[in-house]
């Protein structure tokens, strides 16, 4: 086996096991290829999962300053200085002056009083807040669980527990990897995000067996590559010793 190919296979198999894809924040979402970053508009898109045949499901709404219209044509009255997200039928989150509210069935509820930014995981139905360089999961009123340290955050997104961050300098990161560098004057919100790749609706035991086999194959390839590299090094060393002049 070619040594370069041998060394690349474990990385490929590792990415298959991790099962993560980077999408553009559009409807339908497209796989991000470094050239298709969408422009920021008044439309908001939230990934909520996959259909049985693997199609991405996205919910959206449009913000017109004092009015929001969602993809079911329901209308919400809003304040232009607040940031909103629609999380259900007649169910909305509002971030206004470091306070986070939930407005459900026309009833307002104060959720947290120390919020610089927020996001809602529409797959796991979890609410996250950002304050003072830390991202928290909100459990109850002003009761939070620390999740990630992330300084200088402008916007962040969480899909099925996968975090993507837009920093104030325009860098977009997922799991320590820079996905893009944006013009900070053009983007207040994330145009791309990490999401789990589609997993066919199969038995959990079969999925576990597949992941186990891929992991085992990865380990075998790494060991094979290591032995191959060691053998090549020893062979070159013996060859050099045989050519030492007496």
Protein backbone atom coordinates (compact mmCIF):
# COMPACT_ATOMS: atom_id res chain seq x y z
CA UNK A 1 0.00 0.00 0.00
CA UNK A 2 1.29 3.50 -0.86
CA UNK A 3 2.56 5.13 2.36
CA UNK A 4 0.84 8.48 1.62
CA UNK A 5 -2.49 6.73 1.01
CA UNK A 6 -1.91 4.60 4.09
CA UNK A 7 -1.47 7.69 6.25
CA UNK A 8 -4.57 9.41 4.84
CA UNK A 9 -7.00 6.52 5.37
CA UNK A 10 -7.18 6.76 9.19
CA UNK A 11 -8.07 10.44 8.89
CA UNK A 12 -10.80 9.62 6.38
CA UNK A 13 -12.25 6.86 8.55
CA UNK A 14 -12.08 9.13 11.60
CA UNK A 15 -14.20 11.75 9.81
CA UNK A 16 -16.73 9.05 8.90
CA UNK A 17 -17.00 7.97 12.52
CA UNK A 18 -17.35 11.56 13.77
CA UNK A 19 -20.30 12.10 11.42
CA UNK A 20 -20.17 15.91 11.21
CA UNK A 21 -21.05 18.10 8.23
CA UNK A 22 -20.74 21.87 7.78
CA UNK A 23 -23.85 23.47 6.26
CA UNK A 24 -24.64 26.91 4.90
CA UNK A 25 -27.39 28.70 6.80
CA UNK A 26 -29.89 28.56 3.96
CA UNK A 27 -33.01 26.60 3.04
CA UNK A 28 -32.24 24.04 1.86
CA UNK A 29 -28.82 23.98 3.54
CA UNK A 30 -25.86 23.24 1.29
CA UNK A 31 -22.59 21.60 2.19
CA UNK A 32 -20.05 24.36 2.83
CA UNK A 33 -17.16 24.38 0.33
CA UNK A 34 -15.30 27.62 1.30
CA UNK A 35 -16.86 29.47 -1.67
CA UNK A 36 -20.59 29.42 -0.96
CA UNK A 37 -20.93 31.51 2.20
CA UNK A 38 -24.38 33.15 2.05
CA UNK A 39 -24.89 36.87 2.55
CA UNK A 40 -26.63 38.06 5.70
CA UNK A 41 -30.27 39.06 5.17
CA UNK A 42 -33.38 39.53 7.29
CA UNK A 43 -34.16 35.80 7.02
CA UNK A 44 -33.27 33.39 9.82
CA UNK A 45 -32.84 29.63 9.36
CA UNK A 46 -32.80 26.91 12.01
CA UNK A 47 -31.82 23.30 11.35
CA UNK A 48 -34.20 20.92 13.17
CA UNK A 49 -33.16 17.49 11.83
CA UNK A 50 -33.56 15.09 8.92
CA UNK A 51 -36.48 13.34 7.28
CA UNK A 52 -36.44 9.55 6.95
CA UNK A 53 -35.01 9.84 3.43
CA UNK A 54 -32.16 12.12 4.55
CA UNK A 55 -33.53 15.54 3.57
CA UNK A 56 -32.54 18.39 5.89
CA UNK A 57 -35.47 20.00 7.72
CA UNK A 58 -35.13 23.74 8.28
CA UNK A 59 -37.53 26.19 9.92
CA UNK A 60 -37.29 29.87 9.02
CA UNK A 61 -38.69 33.30 9.73
CA UNK A 62 -38.21 36.84 8.41
CA UNK A 63 -37.58 39.86 10.63
CA UNK A 64 -38.97 43.17 9.36
CA UNK A 65 -37.89 45.28 12.34
CA UNK A 66 -41.15 45.50 14.27
CA UNK A 67 -42.75 42.37 12.80
CA UNK A 68 -41.66 38.75 12.39
CA UNK A 69 -43.35 36.36 9.97
CA UNK A 70 -42.50 32.67 10.26
CA UNK A 71 -42.72 29.96 7.59
CA UNK A 72 -46.33 29.18 8.58
CA UNK A 73 -47.25 32.84 7.95
CA UNK A 74 -47.83 33.48 11.65
CA UNK A 75 -47.07 37.09 12.63
CA UNK A 76 -45.30 38.29 15.79
CA UNK A 77 -44.98 41.90 16.99
CA UNK A 78 -41.40 42.66 18.04
CA UNK A 79 -39.04 45.43 19.09
CA UNK A 80 -36.31 46.45 16.61
CA UNK A 81 -33.63 46.59 19.34
CA UNK A 82 -34.19 42.98 20.45
CA UNK A 83 -32.95 39.68 19.00
CA UNK A 84 -35.52 36.93 18.50
CA UNK A 85 -35.86 33.25 17.71
CA UNK A 86 -39.01 31.25 16.97
CA UNK A 87 -38.89 27.92 18.81
CA UNK A 88 -42.45 26.67 18.35
CA UNK A 89 -46.02 27.60 17.49
CA UNK A 90 -46.67 30.98 19.14
CA UNK A 91 -43.47 30.40 21.12
CA UNK A 92 -40.63 32.93 20.84
CA UNK A 93 -37.40 33.88 22.63
CA UNK A 94 -36.41 37.55 22.90
CA UNK A 95 -33.06 39.01 23.99
CA UNK A 96 -33.35 42.64 25.07
CA UNK A 97 -30.66 44.59 26.97
CA UNK A 98 -28.98 41.56 28.59
CA UNK A 99 -32.34 40.05 29.54
CA UNK A 100 -33.73 36.90 27.95
CA UNK A 101 -37.49 36.41 27.71
CA UNK A 102 -39.77 33.66 26.51
CA UNK A 103 -43.08 34.72 24.97
CA UNK A 104 -45.42 31.75 24.72
CA UNK A 105 -49.12 32.08 23.94
CA UNK A 106 -48.81 35.85 24.46
CA UNK A 107 -47.44 35.40 28.00
CA UNK A 108 -43.99 36.87 28.78
CA UNK A 109 -41.57 35.02 31.07
CA UNK A 110 -38.17 36.36 32.18
CA UNK A 111 -35.60 33.54 31.82
CA UNK A 112 -32.24 35.12 32.59
CA UNK A 113 -30.86 38.54 33.49
CA UNK A 114 -27.19 38.17 32.47
CA UNK A 115 -27.13 37.38 28.77
CA UNK A 116 -24.85 38.81 26.07
CA UNK A 117 -26.08 36.39 23.39
CA UNK A 118 -28.19 33.24 23.18
CA UNK A 119 -29.01 30.32 20.92
CA UNK A 120 -31.53 27.49 20.91
CA UNK A 121 -30.66 23.94 19.90
CA UNK A 122 -33.70 23.07 17.77
CA UNK A 123 -32.72 19.37 17.66
CA UNK A 124 -32.31 18.78 21.40
CA UNK A 125 -34.63 21.64 22.49
CA UNK A 126 -31.97 23.13 24.76
CA UNK A 127 -31.42 26.83 25.46
CA UNK A 128 -27.90 28.25 25.72
CA UNK A 129 -26.67 31.67 26.83
CA UNK A 130 -23.35 33.50 26.56
CA UNK A 131 -21.93 35.80 29.21
CA UNK A 132 -18.42 36.88 30.19
CA UNK A 133 -16.55 34.53 27.87
CA UNK A 134 -18.53 31.42 28.82
CA UNK A 135 -21.37 29.53 27.13
CA UNK A 136 -23.95 28.09 29.52
CA UNK A 137 -26.90 25.73 29.18
CA UNK A 138 -29.93 27.28 30.84
CA UNK A 139 -31.65 24.91 33.25
CA UNK A 140 -34.02 27.22 35.10
CA UNK A 141 -34.38 30.93 35.90
CA UNK A 142 -30.82 32.24 36.29
CA UNK A 143 -29.59 28.67 36.95
CA UNK A 144 -27.06 27.63 34.34
CA UNK A 145 -24.52 24.88 33.65
CA UNK A 146 -21.13 25.89 32.24
CA UNK A 147 -20.49 24.22 28.88
CA UNK A 148 -17.68 25.97 26.93
CA UNK A 149 -15.18 28.79 27.35
CA UNK A 150 -15.27 31.03 24.28
CA UNK A 151 -13.92 34.59 24.43
CA UNK A 152 -14.99 37.43 22.13
CA UNK A 153 -18.16 35.77 20.82
CA UNK A 154 -20.38 37.70 18.44
CA UNK A 155 -22.76 34.84 17.62
CA UNK A 156 -22.90 31.10 18.25
CA UNK A 157 -25.01 28.19 17.11
CA UNK A 158 -25.60 24.73 18.56
CA UNK A 159 -27.11 21.86 16.56
CA UNK A 160 -27.60 18.57 18.38
CA UNK A 161 -24.89 19.61 20.85
CA UNK A 162 -22.37 20.69 18.16
CA UNK A 163 -21.04 24.21 18.75
CA UNK A 164 -20.08 26.72 16.04
CA UNK A 165 -18.83 30.18 17.03
CA UNK A 166 -18.50 33.50 15.19
CA UNK A 167 -15.88 35.62 16.96
CA UNK A 168 -15.75 39.40 16.92
CA UNK A 169 -12.73 39.33 14.57
CA UNK A 170 -14.77 37.45 11.93
CA UNK A 171 -13.32 33.97 12.54
CA UNK A 172 -15.77 31.05 12.43
CA UNK A 173 -14.67 28.06 14.51
CA UNK A 174 -15.92 24.56 15.23
CA UNK A 175 -14.06 22.35 17.69
CA UNK A 176 -10.93 24.49 17.41
CA UNK A 177 -10.90 24.43 13.59
CA UNK A 178 -11.21 27.69 11.64
CA UNK A 179 -13.96 27.21 9.05
CA UNK A 180 -13.95 30.73 7.61
CA UNK A 181 -12.68 34.27 8.09
CA UNK A 182 -15.44 36.82 7.49
CA UNK A 183 -15.56 40.59 7.26
CA UNK A 184 -16.76 41.57 10.77
CA UNK A 185 -18.57 44.59 9.34
CA UNK A 186 -20.74 42.34 7.13
CA UNK A 187 -21.78 39.58 9.53
CA UNK A 188 -23.52 39.78 12.89
CA UNK A 189 -24.76 36.18 12.64
CA UNK A 190 -23.27 32.84 11.65
CA UNK A 191 -23.70 32.03 7.93
CA UNK A 192 -22.51 28.41 8.37
CA UNK A 193 -22.75 25.82 11.13
CA UNK A 194 -21.76 22.30 12.13
CA UNK A 195 -24.45 19.62 12.24
CA UNK A 196 -24.55 15.85 12.57
CA UNK A 197 -24.53 14.03 9.25
CA UNK A 198 -27.57 11.98 8.28
CA UNK A 199 -27.75 8.54 9.85
CA UNK A 200 -30.15 6.10 8.17
CA UNK A 201 -32.94 4.79 10.35
CA UNK A 202 -31.34 1.48 11.29
CA UNK A 203 -31.21 -0.57 14.45
CA UNK A 204 -29.00 0.95 17.18
CA UNK A 205 -27.10 -2.32 17.60
CA UNK A 206 -26.23 -2.27 13.89
CA UNK A 207 -25.02 1.33 14.14
CA UNK A 208 -22.89 0.34 17.12
CA UNK A 209 -21.41 -2.60 15.21
CA UNK A 210 -20.60 -0.39 12.20
CA UNK A 211 -18.88 2.22 14.39
CA UNK A 212 -16.95 -0.53 16.22
CA UNK A 213 -15.76 -2.03 12.92
CA UNK A 214 -14.72 1.37 11.56
CA UNK A 215 -12.87 2.16 14.78
CA UNK A 216 -11.11 -1.23 14.76
CA UNK A 217 -10.14 -0.80 11.11
CA UNK A 218 -8.75 2.65 11.90
CA UNK A 219 -6.57 1.20 14.69
CA UNK A 220 -5.33 -1.62 12.42
CA UNK A 221 -4.40 0.87 9.69
CA UNK A 222 -2.56 3.10 12.15
CA UNK A 223 -0.60 0.08 13.46
CA UNK A 224 0.13 -1.05 9.89
CA UNK A 225 1.35 2.41 8.91
CA UNK A 226 3.50 2.60 12.04
CA UNK A 227 5.14 -0.76 11.28
CA UNK A 228 5.64 0.24 7.64
CA UNK A 229 7.27 3.53 8.62
CA UNK A 230 9.53 1.76 11.18
CA UNK A 231 10.55 -0.88 8.62
CA UNK A 232 11.33 1.79 6.01
CA UNK A 233 13.45 3.72 8.53
CA UNK A 234 15.44 0.60 9.56
CA UNK A 235 15.94 -0.37 5.92
CA UNK A 236 17.33 3.07 5.06
CA UNK A 237 19.57 2.98 8.16
CA UNK A 238 21.04 -0.44 7.24
CA UNK A 239 21.58 0.74 3.68
CA UNK A 240 23.49 3.81 4.89
CA UNK A 241 25.63 1.66 7.23
CA UNK A 242 26.53 -0.69 4.35
CA UNK A 243 27.90 2.28 2.41
CA UNK A 244 30.16 3.59 5.20
CA UNK A 245 33.74 3.61 3.80
CA UNK A 246 36.37 1.62 5.75
